[in-house]
Structures are given as C-alpha cells and as structure tokens.
Amino acid sequence: MKHVTGLIFLAAILWWILSGYTKPLLISLGIVSVLFTAFLAHRMKVIDDESHPLHLSLALIRFWGYLLLQIVISNIKMVIIILSPKMDIDPRVLRVRVSQHGVLGNAILGNSITLTPGTVTLDIGNGEVEVHAINREAAEDIENGLFDQRIPSDNGVNS
C-alpha cells in the first residue's frame, strides 16, 4: 500500500507542476485522473519495489545531483577536446567489473554512463559493463568506478 500512496503523491505533484493549473475544477479533474491511474496500476499489479523504488528515494536524489555535476564536468571536458588544436581523442572499448547485481542498479549505471558525454554503455550484465570511451581520461573514470560506487543499492531487486 505504501507504493500506491507514494505513486499517488508523486503523480499528483508531477501533474500539478507540469500543468500549472490552480482552478478548483481543473485540480479536481487532475486528482480524479491521478486516482484512476493509481487504481489501474494497482489492479494491473505493476506497482512494486522496482517500478516505484521508495526505499531509494533520498539516495536517488543525492545521486541525481552527483550525476548532474558529472554531466556538466564532462561537457566542459568535451568542449576543451573539441576546441583544442590537438584533439585528445583516443577511443577505446573496455570491460569493467561492477558491483551492481540487480536489474534496477544495472539500468541506472548503464544510463548514467551513457548520459555522460564521452562515454557510451555498449553492454551490461554478468557483473560487467562494456563501455566505449572517447579518451584515456574517460576510460579511467569508468575503471575507477565513477558511478558504480555511488549508485544507491537496490538490494538485488530482480537479480
């Protein structure tokens, strides 16, 4: 039940922020649509620890801040590479062992690597991630576990 309540709360806040409506009729219609959506999701049995990970909420917010910072830093590094007369491009594909065991942790790790300019996740699974890096520095960040150590633990959900 806590997942349904969390879904209702987050969906209502998201609806209100994105719509911006403050008239009582429109707010009541938004509430009805959020409740109906939560009812359908509950009836379809799609609300669980993986689809709505309440146990990771605070840790995920901290991780998103860290990820945003890394995206900005990587963008600056990419601009420097592009604008420098001697481009520091030394592409490589590497395989690195990771500590993520669950589906959710692997998805967060793979997407985080791909969102950061200069790296792309090619494959993930069996405790390893295969990454294409644009240069040695980007490869070292992945090898040092830049994101792997900071991803909130999903305790093996659907591992």
N, C-alpha and C. Protein backbone atom coordinates (compact mmCIF):
# COMPACT_ATOMS: atom_id res chain seq x y z
N MET A 1 0.82 -1.20 0.00
CA MET A 1 0.00 0.00 0.00
C MET A 1 0.86 1.27 0.00
N LYS A 2 2.07 1.16 0.59
CA LYS A 2 2.92 2.34 0.64
C LYS A 2 3.36 2.75 -0.77
N HIS A 3 3.50 1.78 -1.67
CA HIS A 3 3.89 2.11 -3.04
C HIS A 3 2.76 2.82 -3.78
N VAL A 4 1.52 2.40 -3.53
CA VAL A 4 0.37 3.06 -4.16
C VAL A 4 0.25 4.50 -3.65
N THR A 5 0.41 4.67 -2.33
CA THR A 5 0.35 6.02 -1.75
C THR A 5 1.47 6.90 -2.30
N GLY A 6 2.67 6.36 -2.38
CA GLY A 6 3.79 7.11 -2.95
C GLY A 6 3.55 7.48 -4.40
N LEU A 7 2.99 6.54 -5.17
CA LEU A 7 2.68 6.81 -6.57
C LEU A 7 1.64 7.92 -6.70
N ILE A 8 0.60 7.87 -5.89
CA ILE A 8 -0.44 8.90 -5.92
C ILE A 8 0.16 10.26 -5.59
N PHE A 9 0.97 10.32 -4.54
CA PHE A 9 1.58 11.58 -4.13
C PHE A 9 2.48 12.14 -5.23
N LEU A 10 3.39 11.32 -5.74
CA LEU A 10 4.32 11.80 -6.76
C LEU A 10 3.61 12.16 -8.07
N ALA A 11 2.62 11.37 -8.46
CA ALA A 11 1.88 11.67 -9.69
C ALA A 11 1.09 12.97 -9.54
N ALA A 12 0.50 13.20 -8.36
CA ALA A 12 -0.26 14.43 -8.14
C ALA A 12 0.66 15.65 -8.17
N ILE A 13 1.80 15.55 -7.51
CA ILE A 13 2.76 16.67 -7.52
C ILE A 13 3.26 16.92 -8.94
N LEU A 14 3.61 15.85 -9.66
CA LEU A 14 4.08 16.00 -11.03
C LEU A 14 3.00 16.62 -11.92
N TRP A 15 1.76 16.15 -11.79
CA TRP A 15 0.66 16.70 -12.59
C TRP A 15 0.51 18.20 -12.31
N TRP A 16 0.54 18.57 -11.05
CA TRP A 16 0.33 19.97 -10.68
C TRP A 16 1.48 20.85 -11.19
N ILE A 17 2.71 20.37 -11.05
CA ILE A 17 3.87 21.15 -11.51
C ILE A 17 3.84 21.31 -13.03
N LEU A 18 3.56 20.23 -13.74
CA LEU A 18 3.58 20.30 -15.19
C LEU A 18 2.38 21.04 -15.78
N SER A 19 1.23 20.96 -15.12
CA SER A 19 0.04 21.63 -15.66
C SER A 19 0.01 23.10 -15.26
N GLY A 20 0.34 23.39 -14.01
CA GLY A 20 0.31 24.76 -13.53
C GLY A 20 -1.08 25.30 -13.25
N TYR A 21 -2.09 24.45 -13.32
CA TYR A 21 -3.46 24.89 -13.09
C TYR A 21 -3.74 25.07 -11.61
N THR A 22 -4.50 26.13 -11.29
CA THR A 22 -4.86 26.39 -9.90
C THR A 22 -6.37 26.53 -9.70
N LYS A 23 -7.14 26.39 -10.77
CA LYS A 23 -8.60 26.49 -10.65
C LYS A 23 -9.14 25.21 -10.05
N PRO A 24 -10.10 25.32 -9.12
CA PRO A 24 -10.62 24.15 -8.41
C PRO A 24 -11.12 23.04 -9.34
N LEU A 25 -11.81 23.38 -10.41
CA LEU A 25 -12.34 22.36 -11.31
C LEU A 25 -11.20 21.57 -11.95
N LEU A 26 -10.19 22.26 -12.43
CA LEU A 26 -9.08 21.57 -13.09
C LEU A 26 -8.25 20.75 -12.10
N ILE A 27 -8.08 21.26 -10.90
CA ILE A 27 -7.36 20.50 -9.88
C ILE A 27 -8.14 19.24 -9.52
N SER A 28 -9.46 19.35 -9.39
CA SER A 28 -10.27 18.17 -9.06
C SER A 28 -10.22 17.14 -10.19
N LEU A 29 -10.23 17.60 -11.44
CA LEU A 29 -10.10 16.67 -12.56
C LEU A 29 -8.71 16.01 -12.57
N GLY A 30 -7.69 16.75 -12.18
CA GLY A 30 -6.35 16.18 -12.06
C GLY A 30 -6.29 15.12 -10.97
N ILE A 31 -6.94 15.39 -9.85
CA ILE A 31 -6.98 14.42 -8.75
C ILE A 31 -7.68 13.15 -9.19
N VAL A 32 -8.79 13.31 -9.89
CA VAL A 32 -9.53 12.15 -10.38
C VAL A 32 -8.66 11.33 -11.33
N SER A 33 -7.97 12.00 -12.24
CA SER A 33 -7.13 11.26 -13.20
C SER A 33 -5.96 10.57 -12.50
N VAL A 34 -5.36 11.20 -11.49
CA VAL A 34 -4.27 10.57 -10.74
C VAL A 34 -4.78 9.35 -9.99
N LEU A 35 -5.94 9.48 -9.32
CA LEU A 35 -6.51 8.34 -8.58
C LEU A 35 -6.88 7.20 -9.52
N PHE A 36 -7.43 7.53 -10.68
CA PHE A 36 -7.80 6.50 -11.64
C PHE A 36 -6.55 5.79 -12.17
N THR A 37 -5.51 6.54 -12.43
CA THR A 37 -4.26 5.95 -12.90
C THR A 37 -3.67 5.03 -11.84
N ALA A 38 -3.67 5.47 -10.58
CA ALA A 38 -3.15 4.64 -9.48
C ALA A 38 -4.00 3.38 -9.31
N PHE A 39 -5.32 3.52 -9.45
CA PHE A 39 -6.21 2.36 -9.36
C PHE A 39 -5.88 1.35 -10.45
N LEU A 40 -5.72 1.81 -11.68
CA LEU A 40 -5.40 0.90 -12.79
C LEU A 40 -4.03 0.23 -12.58
N ALA A 41 -3.05 1.00 -12.14
CA ALA A 41 -1.72 0.44 -11.90
C ALA A 41 -1.75 -0.62 -10.80
N HIS A 42 -2.53 -0.35 -9.74
CA HIS A 42 -2.66 -1.30 -8.64
C HIS A 42 -3.39 -2.56 -9.11
N ARG A 43 -4.44 -2.37 -9.87
CA ARG A 43 -5.22 -3.51 -10.37
C ARG A 43 -4.40 -4.37 -11.34
N MET A 44 -3.52 -3.73 -12.11
CA MET A 44 -2.66 -4.47 -13.05
C MET A 44 -1.45 -5.08 -12.34
N LYS A 45 -1.29 -4.77 -11.05
CA LYS A 45 -0.18 -5.28 -10.24
C LYS A 45 1.19 -4.91 -10.83
N VAL A 46 1.33 -3.65 -11.21
CA VAL A 46 2.60 -3.17 -11.74
C VAL A 46 3.33 -2.24 -10.78
N ILE A 47 2.81 -2.07 -9.58
CA ILE A 47 3.46 -1.23 -8.59
C ILE A 47 4.19 -2.14 -7.60
N ASP A 48 5.52 -2.08 -7.64
CA ASP A 48 6.33 -2.89 -6.73
C ASP A 48 7.62 -2.14 -6.41
N ASP A 49 8.57 -2.81 -5.76
CA ASP A 49 9.84 -2.18 -5.38
C ASP A 49 10.63 -1.69 -6.57
N GLU A 50 10.52 -2.38 -7.71
CA GLU A 50 11.31 -1.99 -8.87
C GLU A 50 10.66 -0.84 -9.64
N SER A 51 9.35 -0.88 -9.82
CA SER A 51 8.70 0.17 -10.60
C SER A 51 8.55 1.47 -9.82
N HIS A 52 8.52 1.38 -8.51
CA HIS A 52 8.38 2.57 -7.68
C HIS A 52 9.27 2.40 -6.44
N PRO A 53 10.60 2.59 -6.59
CA PRO A 53 11.54 2.28 -5.52
C PRO A 53 11.59 3.34 -4.41
N LEU A 54 10.59 3.31 -3.54
CA LEU A 54 10.55 4.29 -2.44
C LEU A 54 11.76 4.17 -1.53
N HIS A 55 12.29 2.96 -1.37
CA HIS A 55 13.42 2.76 -0.48
C HIS A 55 14.69 3.44 -0.99
N LEU A 56 14.69 3.89 -2.24
CA LEU A 56 15.86 4.56 -2.80
C LEU A 56 15.66 6.07 -2.97
N SER A 57 14.52 6.60 -2.57
CA SER A 57 14.16 7.98 -2.90
C SER A 57 15.22 9.01 -2.52
N LEU A 58 15.64 9.07 -1.26
CA LEU A 58 16.62 10.08 -0.83
C LEU A 58 17.99 9.83 -1.46
N ALA A 59 18.39 8.57 -1.52
CA ALA A 59 19.68 8.25 -2.12
C ALA A 59 19.68 8.59 -3.61
N LEU A 60 18.56 8.38 -4.29
CA LEU A 60 18.48 8.71 -5.72
C LEU A 60 18.58 10.21 -5.95
N ILE A 61 17.97 11.00 -5.08
CA ILE A 61 18.04 12.46 -5.22
C ILE A 61 19.49 12.93 -5.10
N ARG A 62 20.23 12.36 -4.13
CA ARG A 62 21.65 12.69 -3.99
C ARG A 62 22.43 12.24 -5.23
N PHE A 63 22.11 11.05 -5.73
CA PHE A 63 22.81 10.55 -6.91
C PHE A 63 22.52 11.42 -8.13
N TRP A 64 21.28 11.87 -8.30
CA TRP A 64 20.94 12.74 -9.43
C TRP A 64 21.74 14.03 -9.40
N GLY A 65 21.94 14.59 -8.20
CA GLY A 65 22.77 15.78 -8.06
C GLY A 65 24.20 15.50 -8.50
N TYR A 66 24.73 14.36 -8.05
CA TYR A 66 26.09 13.96 -8.44
C TYR A 66 26.17 13.73 -9.95
N LEU A 67 25.17 13.06 -10.51
CA LEU A 67 25.14 12.79 -11.95
C LEU A 67 25.09 14.09 -12.74
N LEU A 68 24.27 15.02 -12.30
CA LEU A 68 24.17 16.31 -12.99
C LEU A 68 25.53 17.03 -12.98
N LEU A 69 26.22 17.01 -11.85
CA LEU A 69 27.55 17.60 -11.76
C LEU A 69 28.52 16.92 -12.73
N GLN A 70 28.50 15.59 -12.80
CA GLN A 70 29.39 14.86 -13.69
C GLN A 70 29.07 15.14 -15.16
N ILE A 71 27.80 15.32 -15.48
CA ILE A 71 27.42 15.66 -16.86
C ILE A 71 27.98 17.03 -17.24
N VAL A 72 27.87 17.99 -16.33
CA VAL A 72 28.41 19.33 -16.59
C VAL A 72 29.93 19.28 -16.76
N ILE A 73 30.61 18.58 -15.86
CA ILE A 73 32.07 18.46 -15.94
C ILE A 73 32.47 17.79 -17.25
N SER A 74 31.78 16.71 -17.63
CA SER A 74 32.11 16.01 -18.86
C SER A 74 31.84 16.87 -20.09
N ASN A 75 30.79 17.68 -20.05
CA ASN A 75 30.52 18.59 -21.17
C ASN A 75 31.66 19.60 -21.32
N ILE A 76 32.14 20.12 -20.22
CA ILE A 76 33.26 21.07 -20.27
C ILE A 76 34.50 20.38 -20.85
N LYS A 77 34.77 19.15 -20.41
CA LYS A 77 35.91 18.41 -20.94
C LYS A 77 35.76 18.17 -22.44
N MET A 78 34.54 17.86 -22.89
CA MET A 78 34.32 17.62 -24.32
C MET A 78 34.52 18.90 -25.12
N VAL A 79 34.10 20.05 -24.59
CA VAL A 79 34.31 21.32 -25.28
C VAL A 79 35.80 21.60 -25.41
N ILE A 80 36.55 21.32 -24.35
CA ILE A 80 38.01 21.52 -24.38
C ILE A 80 38.64 20.61 -25.44
N ILE A 81 38.20 19.35 -25.50
CA ILE A 81 38.73 18.41 -26.50
C ILE A 81 38.43 18.91 -27.91
N ILE A 82 37.20 19.35 -28.12
CA ILE A 82 36.79 19.79 -29.46
C ILE A 82 37.50 21.06 -29.90
N LEU A 83 37.69 22.00 -28.99
CA LEU A 83 38.27 23.28 -29.35
C LEU A 83 39.80 23.30 -29.34
N SER A 84 40.41 22.30 -28.74
CA SER A 84 41.87 22.31 -28.69
C SER A 84 42.44 21.93 -30.06
N PRO A 85 43.58 22.54 -30.45
CA PRO A 85 44.17 22.25 -31.75
C PRO A 85 44.59 20.77 -31.88
N LYS A 86 45.08 20.20 -30.79
CA LYS A 86 45.46 18.78 -30.79
C LYS A 86 44.41 18.02 -29.98
N MET A 87 43.42 17.50 -30.70
CA MET A 87 42.32 16.80 -30.03
C MET A 87 42.82 15.57 -29.28
N ASP A 88 42.43 15.48 -28.02
CA ASP A 88 42.79 14.34 -27.18
C ASP A 88 41.76 13.23 -27.39
N ILE A 89 41.80 12.62 -28.57
CA ILE A 89 40.85 11.54 -28.87
C ILE A 89 41.64 10.26 -29.03
N ASP A 90 41.34 9.31 -28.17
CA ASP A 90 41.98 8.00 -28.19
C ASP A 90 40.89 6.98 -27.83
N PRO A 91 39.98 6.70 -28.77
CA PRO A 91 38.83 5.85 -28.44
C PRO A 91 39.25 4.44 -28.04
N ARG A 92 38.49 3.90 -27.10
CA ARG A 92 38.76 2.55 -26.63
C ARG A 92 37.48 1.92 -26.09
N VAL A 93 37.43 0.62 -26.15
CA VAL A 93 36.33 -0.15 -25.57
C VAL A 93 36.91 -0.94 -24.41
N LEU A 94 36.27 -0.85 -23.26
CA LEU A 94 36.78 -1.54 -22.09
C LEU A 94 35.67 -2.29 -21.37
N ARG A 95 36.05 -3.34 -20.69
CA ARG A 95 35.14 -4.13 -19.85
C ARG A 95 35.60 -3.97 -18.41
N VAL A 96 34.65 -3.64 -17.54
CA VAL A 96 34.97 -3.39 -16.14
C VAL A 96 33.99 -4.15 -15.26
N ARG A 97 34.51 -4.77 -14.20
CA ARG A 97 33.64 -5.43 -13.21
C ARG A 97 32.89 -4.36 -12.43
N VAL A 98 31.62 -4.62 -12.15
CA VAL A 98 30.80 -3.67 -11.39
C VAL A 98 30.15 -4.38 -10.21
N SER A 99 29.74 -3.59 -9.25
CA SER A 99 29.14 -4.16 -8.04
C SER A 99 27.62 -4.26 -8.12
N GLN A 100 27.02 -3.77 -9.19
CA GLN A 100 25.56 -3.83 -9.33
C GLN A 100 25.12 -5.25 -9.67
N HIS A 101 24.12 -5.75 -8.94
CA HIS A 101 23.64 -7.11 -9.17
C HIS A 101 22.20 -7.12 -9.68
N GLY A 102 21.43 -6.10 -9.33
CA GLY A 102 20.03 -6.08 -9.71
C GLY A 102 19.79 -5.39 -11.04
N VAL A 103 18.61 -5.62 -11.58
CA VAL A 103 18.23 -5.02 -12.86
C VAL A 103 18.18 -3.49 -12.73
N LEU A 104 17.61 -3.00 -11.64
CA LEU A 104 17.48 -1.56 -11.44
C LEU A 104 18.85 -0.88 -11.35
N GLY A 105 19.76 -1.45 -10.57
CA GLY A 105 21.11 -0.89 -10.44
C GLY A 105 21.86 -0.89 -11.75
N ASN A 106 21.71 -1.98 -12.52
CA ASN A 106 22.37 -2.04 -13.83
C ASN A 106 21.80 -1.00 -14.79
N ALA A 107 20.49 -0.80 -14.75
CA ALA A 107 19.86 0.19 -15.64
C ALA A 107 20.33 1.60 -15.28
N ILE A 108 20.39 1.90 -13.99
CA ILE A 108 20.85 3.22 -13.55
C ILE A 108 22.30 3.42 -13.95
N LEU A 109 23.14 2.40 -13.76
CA LEU A 109 24.56 2.50 -14.12
C LEU A 109 24.74 2.71 -15.62
N GLY A 110 24.10 1.89 -16.42
CA GLY A 110 24.24 2.00 -17.87
C GLY A 110 23.77 3.34 -18.39
N ASN A 111 22.63 3.81 -17.91
CA ASN A 111 22.12 5.11 -18.35
C ASN A 111 23.01 6.25 -17.87
N SER A 112 23.55 6.15 -16.67
CA SER A 112 24.42 7.21 -16.15
C SER A 112 25.69 7.34 -16.98
N ILE A 113 26.26 6.21 -17.35
CA ILE A 113 27.47 6.24 -18.18
C ILE A 113 27.16 6.84 -19.54
N THR A 114 26.04 6.45 -20.13
CA THR A 114 25.69 6.94 -21.46
C THR A 114 25.31 8.41 -21.45
N LEU A 115 24.70 8.89 -20.37
CA LEU A 115 24.33 10.31 -20.27
C LEU A 115 25.54 11.22 -20.16
N THR A 116 26.65 10.69 -19.69
CA THR A 116 27.85 11.49 -19.51
C THR A 116 28.60 11.57 -20.84
N PRO A 117 28.78 12.77 -21.39
CA PRO A 117 29.47 12.90 -22.68
C PRO A 117 30.86 12.28 -22.65
N GLY A 118 31.19 11.57 -23.74
CA GLY A 118 32.49 10.94 -23.86
C GLY A 118 32.46 9.45 -23.57
N THR A 119 31.34 8.93 -23.07
CA THR A 119 31.23 7.50 -22.78
C THR A 119 29.86 6.99 -23.23
N VAL A 120 29.84 5.74 -23.67
CA VAL A 120 28.60 5.09 -24.08
C VAL A 120 28.63 3.65 -23.57
N THR A 121 27.56 3.23 -22.92
CA THR A 121 27.45 1.85 -22.46
C THR A 121 27.07 0.99 -23.65
N LEU A 122 27.88 -0.03 -23.92
CA LEU A 122 27.61 -0.95 -25.03
C LEU A 122 26.87 -2.19 -24.57
N ASP A 123 27.24 -2.71 -23.39
CA ASP A 123 26.63 -3.92 -22.87
C ASP A 123 26.81 -3.93 -21.36
N ILE A 124 25.83 -4.51 -20.68
CA ILE A 124 25.93 -4.63 -19.22
C ILE A 124 25.28 -5.94 -18.80
N GLY A 125 25.93 -6.63 -17.91
CA GLY A 125 25.39 -7.89 -17.41
C GLY A 125 26.50 -8.79 -16.89
N ASN A 126 26.11 -9.82 -16.17
CA ASN A 126 27.06 -10.78 -15.59
C ASN A 126 28.13 -10.09 -14.76
N GLY A 127 27.76 -9.01 -14.09
CA GLY A 127 28.71 -8.32 -13.22
C GLY A 127 29.74 -7.48 -13.94
N GLU A 128 29.54 -7.23 -15.24
CA GLU A 128 30.48 -6.43 -16.02
C GLU A 128 29.72 -5.41 -16.86
N VAL A 129 30.43 -4.34 -17.19
CA VAL A 129 29.89 -3.33 -18.10
C VAL A 129 30.93 -3.12 -19.20
N GLU A 130 30.42 -3.06 -20.45
CA GLU A 130 31.29 -2.78 -21.59
C GLU A 130 31.00 -1.35 -22.03
N VAL A 131 32.05 -0.54 -22.10
CA VAL A 131 31.89 0.89 -22.34
C VAL A 131 32.83 1.34 -23.45
N HIS A 132 32.34 2.23 -24.31
CA HIS A 132 33.19 2.91 -25.28
C HIS A 132 33.52 4.27 -24.68
N ALA A 133 34.80 4.57 -24.59
CA ALA A 133 35.26 5.86 -24.04
C ALA A 133 36.03 6.60 -25.12
N ILE A 134 35.87 7.92 -25.13
CA ILE A 134 36.49 8.73 -26.19
C ILE A 134 37.99 8.92 -25.99
N ASN A 135 38.44 8.85 -24.72
CA ASN A 135 39.88 9.00 -24.47
C ASN A 135 40.28 8.29 -23.18
N ARG A 136 41.56 8.34 -22.87
CA ARG A 136 42.09 7.65 -21.70
C ARG A 136 41.46 8.14 -20.40
N GLU A 137 41.27 9.45 -20.29
CA GLU A 137 40.71 10.03 -19.07
C GLU A 137 39.29 9.53 -18.81
N ALA A 138 38.47 9.48 -19.85
CA ALA A 138 37.10 8.97 -19.70
C ALA A 138 37.12 7.49 -19.33
N ALA A 139 38.05 6.72 -19.91
CA ALA A 139 38.17 5.30 -19.59
C ALA A 139 38.58 5.10 -18.14
N GLU A 140 39.50 5.94 -17.65
CA GLU A 140 39.94 5.82 -16.27
C GLU A 140 38.81 6.11 -15.29
N ASP A 141 37.94 7.08 -15.63
CA ASP A 141 36.79 7.37 -14.77
C ASP A 141 35.90 6.14 -14.62
N ILE A 142 35.69 5.43 -15.71
CA ILE A 142 34.86 4.22 -15.66
C ILE A 142 35.58 3.12 -14.88
N GLU A 143 36.87 2.93 -15.15
CA GLU A 143 37.65 1.90 -14.45
C GLU A 143 37.70 2.16 -12.95
N ASN A 144 37.72 3.43 -12.55
CA ASN A 144 37.76 3.78 -11.13
C ASN A 144 36.39 3.70 -10.47
N GLY A 145 35.35 3.35 -11.22
CA GLY A 145 34.02 3.20 -10.65
C GLY A 145 33.34 4.52 -10.34
N LEU A 146 33.48 5.48 -11.25
CA LEU A 146 32.93 6.82 -11.06
C LEU A 146 31.47 6.77 -10.61
N PHE A 147 30.65 5.97 -11.28
CA PHE A 147 29.23 5.90 -10.94
C PHE A 147 28.90 4.66 -10.12
N ASP A 148 29.59 3.58 -10.39
CA ASP A 148 29.24 2.30 -9.77
C ASP A 148 29.19 2.37 -8.25
N GLN A 149 30.13 3.07 -7.64
CA GLN A 149 30.18 3.14 -6.18
C GLN A 149 29.11 4.06 -5.61
N ARG A 150 28.58 4.98 -6.40
CA ARG A 150 27.63 5.96 -5.89
C ARG A 150 26.18 5.60 -6.14
N ILE A 151 25.91 4.59 -6.95
CA ILE A 151 24.53 4.22 -7.24
C ILE A 151 23.90 3.62 -6.00
N PRO A 152 22.70 4.10 -5.64
CA PRO A 152 22.03 3.55 -4.46
C PRO A 152 21.78 2.05 -4.62
N SER A 153 21.99 1.32 -3.56
CA SER A 153 21.83 -0.13 -3.59
C SER A 153 20.36 -0.50 -3.74
N ASP A 154 20.10 -1.40 -4.71
CA ASP A 154 18.73 -1.87 -4.89
C ASP A 154 18.52 -3.22 -4.22
N ASN A 155 19.52 -3.67 -3.45
CA ASN A 155 19.44 -4.92 -2.70
C ASN A 155 19.08 -6.10 -3.58
N GLY A 156 19.53 -6.08 -4.82
CA GLY A 156 19.32 -7.23 -5.70
C GLY A 156 17.91 -7.37 -6.20
N VAL A 157 17.14 -6.31 -6.32
CA VAL A 157 15.78 -6.41 -6.82
C VAL A 157 15.83 -7.01 -8.22
N ASN A 158 15.12 -8.12 -8.40
CA ASN A 158 15.04 -8.84 -9.68
C ASN A 158 16.41 -9.18 -10.22
N SER A 159 17.29 -9.66 -9.37
CA SER A 159 18.63 -10.00 -9.85
C SER A 159 18.63 -11.34 -10.55
